[in-house]
Amino acid sequence: MKRFFIALIAFLFVTSISNNAFAHSHLESSNPADGAVVTEALNEIVLDFDGGIEQGSFLEVTTTDGQAVELQDTLIDEDKLTAVAAETLANGEYQVTWSVISADGHSLDGEFSFTVDAPEMVEEDQEEDNGTETSEQSVDNEELDSTKTSDEKESSSLTIVFVVLAIVLVAGGLIYFTKRKK
């Protein structure tokens, strides 16, 4: 009876530590959404997942002609994957192919498409001003996101260490109590 009680406590302890460490991540939403027609300038694609995603996750953007869109940066922030295009996307249809590694280590992938139909900029001065602001904002966002990403890596690693430590402690306790009883 004592063994059953200890095993039950150990099981409840291990399973209550973190459900996120054992769950697959699924795509909740994207911006732009699948099949959307975007009517304003677009240079960023954001995928939101229902659980954490790890480094090594990526996305690719291509035109319907199969030409790859140059991405300036791909950022991972807990449950969000963001791709920043090197230039504002021109009008046309685009295909996004993504692959993520969920917090439990499983790989998931998918794809969706969208269309850009934004009015053309008339004045070149406006384009240059907007480009400068976007570049500065992009640099600031990259610095913030890289800081967040390194903090999240440490947090994810600590969770794994705590889970392994808990399992070792529970197993050690069970072995100690069974040998002590004999």
Foldseek 3Di string as FASTA:
>chain_A
DVLVVLVVVLVVVLCPLDPLLVDFKDWPAKVVGFAEEAAAWDFKIKTFIPFFWAPPKDKWKAFPVGHTFAWPDWFGAGGMIMTGTPDTDDFHKMKMKIWTQGSNGDIDIDIGMYTYNYDDDDDPVVVVVVVVVVVVVVVVVVVVRVVNNVVVVVVSVVSVVVSVVSVVVSVVVSVVVVVVVD
